[in-house]
Amino acid sequence: MSTKLLFEKCVEQLGLALLDRRDVKAVMMAKDEFGNVAITLVQGIEESHKVRFGTVEQCSRMLMRSGGKSK
């Protein structure tokens, strides 16, 4: 299986999981300058409704879950 198909499958699975989550309005993913991917969930329309879900670290390739809200 190619990398492109694997990526598309992961995105599809994320989308399917979000279909059933009425509390999640958006998912934001962004890379920082170190290659880490930050994942933030938006549970409403206000800035305070953004919740940091976690970060996938470049070196370890592991998801590090966050418990607090983003600023």
C-alpha atoms as a PDB file:
ATOM      1  CA  MET A   1       0.000   0.000   0.000  1.00  0.00           C
ATOM      2  CA  SER A   2       1.415   3.373  -0.938  1.00  0.00           C
ATOM      3  CA  THR A   3       1.954   6.208   1.512  1.00  0.00           C
ATOM      4  CA  LYS A   4      -0.706   8.287  -0.272  1.00  0.00           C
ATOM      5  CA  LEU A   5      -3.356   5.593   0.201  1.00  0.00           C
ATOM      6  CA  LEU A   6      -2.395   5.148   3.851  1.00  0.00           C
ATOM      7  CA  PHE A   7      -2.701   8.910   4.431  1.00  0.00           C
ATOM      8  CA  GLU A   8      -6.062   9.059   2.662  1.00  0.00           C
ATOM      9  CA  LYS A   9      -7.349   6.102   4.714  1.00  0.00           C
ATOM     10  CA  CYS A  10      -6.330   7.824   7.967  1.00  0.00           C
ATOM     11  CA  VAL A  11      -8.084  11.033   6.908  1.00  0.00           C
ATOM     12  CA  GLU A  12     -11.183   9.042   5.941  1.00  0.00           C
ATOM     13  CA  GLN A  13     -11.226   7.287   9.339  1.00  0.00           C
ATOM     14  CA  LEU A  14     -10.895  10.634  11.132  1.00  0.00           C
ATOM     15  CA  GLY A  15     -13.797  12.043   9.115  1.00  0.00           C
ATOM     16  CA  LEU A  16     -15.993   9.030   9.839  1.00  0.00           C
ATOM     17  CA  ALA A  17     -15.237   9.271  13.565  1.00  0.00           C
ATOM     18  CA  LEU A  18     -16.177  12.975  13.536  1.00  0.00           C
ATOM     19  CA  LEU A  19     -19.562  12.290  11.929  1.00  0.00           C
ATOM     20  CA  ASP A  20     -20.821  10.851  15.217  1.00  0.00           C
ATOM     21  CA  ARG A  21     -19.340  13.575  17.448  1.00  0.00           C
ATOM     22  CA  ARG A  22     -21.912  16.352  17.730  1.00  0.00           C
ATOM     23  CA  ASP A  23     -19.711  18.253  20.207  1.00  0.00           C
ATOM     24  CA  VAL A  24     -16.783  18.647  17.786  1.00  0.00           C
ATOM     25  CA  LYS A  25     -17.270  21.425  15.211  1.00  0.00           C
ATOM     26  CA  ALA A  26     -13.788  21.383  13.656  1.00  0.00           C
ATOM     27  CA  VAL A  27     -10.394  19.743  13.851  1.00  0.00           C
ATOM     28  CA  MET A  28      -7.277  21.795  13.258  1.00  0.00           C
ATOM     29  CA  MET A  29      -3.914  20.196  12.595  1.00  0.00           C
ATOM     30  CA  ALA A  30      -0.702  22.132  12.087  1.00  0.00           C
ATOM     31  CA  LYS A  31       3.019  21.419  11.991  1.00  0.00           C
ATOM     32  CA  ASP A  32       5.424  23.464  14.060  1.00  0.00           C
ATOM     33  CA  GLU A  33       8.992  24.353  13.086  1.00  0.00           C
ATOM     34  CA  PHE A  34      10.251  21.070  14.603  1.00  0.00           C
ATOM     35  CA  GLY A  35       7.912  18.889  12.521  1.00  0.00           C
ATOM     36  CA  ASN A  36       5.568  18.087  15.405  1.00  0.00           C
ATOM     37  CA  VAL A  37       1.856  18.008  14.521  1.00  0.00           C
ATOM     38  CA  ALA A  38      -0.475  19.798  16.946  1.00  0.00           C
ATOM     39  CA  ILE A  39      -4.117  18.650  16.959  1.00  0.00           C
ATOM     40  CA  THR A  40      -6.798  21.030  18.262  1.00  0.00           C
ATOM     41  CA  LEU A  41     -10.526  20.314  18.498  1.00  0.00           C
ATOM     42  CA  VAL A  42     -13.097  23.103  18.253  1.00  0.00           C
ATOM     43  CA  GLN A  43     -16.203  22.339  20.278  1.00  0.00           C
ATOM     44  CA  GLY A  44     -18.044  25.605  19.653  1.00  0.00           C
ATOM     45  CA  ILE A  45     -17.708  28.967  17.946  1.00  0.00           C
ATOM     46  CA  GLU A  46     -15.855  30.870  20.671  1.00  0.00           C
ATOM     47  CA  GLU A  47     -12.077  30.993  21.067  1.00  0.00           C
ATOM     48  CA  SER A  48     -12.498  29.425  24.515  1.00  0.00           C
ATOM     49  CA  HIS A  49     -14.051  26.333  22.936  1.00  0.00           C
ATOM     50  CA  LYS A  50     -10.764  25.277  21.334  1.00  0.00           C
ATOM     51  CA  VAL A  51      -9.336  22.280  23.167  1.00  0.00           C
ATOM     52  CA  ARG A  52      -5.808  21.070  22.564  1.00  0.00           C
ATOM     53  CA  PHE A  53      -6.139  17.340  21.890  1.00  0.00           C
ATOM     54  CA  GLY A  54      -2.487  16.481  21.637  1.00  0.00           C
ATOM     55  CA  THR A  55       0.704  16.514  19.638  1.00  0.00           C
ATOM     56  CA  VAL A  56       2.246  13.862  17.447  1.00  0.00           C
ATOM     57  CA  GLU A  57       5.979  14.205  18.046  1.00  0.00           C
ATOM     58  CA  GLN A  58       8.291  14.049  15.043  1.00  0.00           C
ATOM     59  CA  CYS A  59      11.043  12.006  16.738  1.00  0.00           C
ATOM     60  CA  SER A  60       8.994   9.383  18.565  1.00  0.00           C
ATOM     61  CA  ARG A  61       6.016   9.312  16.161  1.00  0.00           C
ATOM     62  CA  MET A  62       3.817   9.002  19.277  1.00  0.00           C
ATOM     63  CA  LEU A  63       0.661  10.912  20.197  1.00  0.00           C
ATOM     64  CA  MET A  64       1.148  12.902  23.387  1.00  0.00           C
ATOM     65  CA  ARG A  65      -2.324  13.724  24.724  1.00  0.00           C
ATOM     66  CA  SER A  66      -3.047  17.151  26.194  1.00  0.00           C
ATOM     67  CA  GLY A  67      -5.540  17.694  28.978  1.00  0.00           C
ATOM     68  CA  GLY A  68      -5.848  21.482  29.068  1.00  0.00           C
ATOM     69  CA  LYS A  69      -7.418  24.113  26.886  1.00  0.00           C
ATOM     70  CA  SER A  70      -5.322  26.047  24.395  1.00  0.00           C
ATOM     71  CA  LYS A  71      -4.808  29.762  24.733  1.00  0.00           C
END
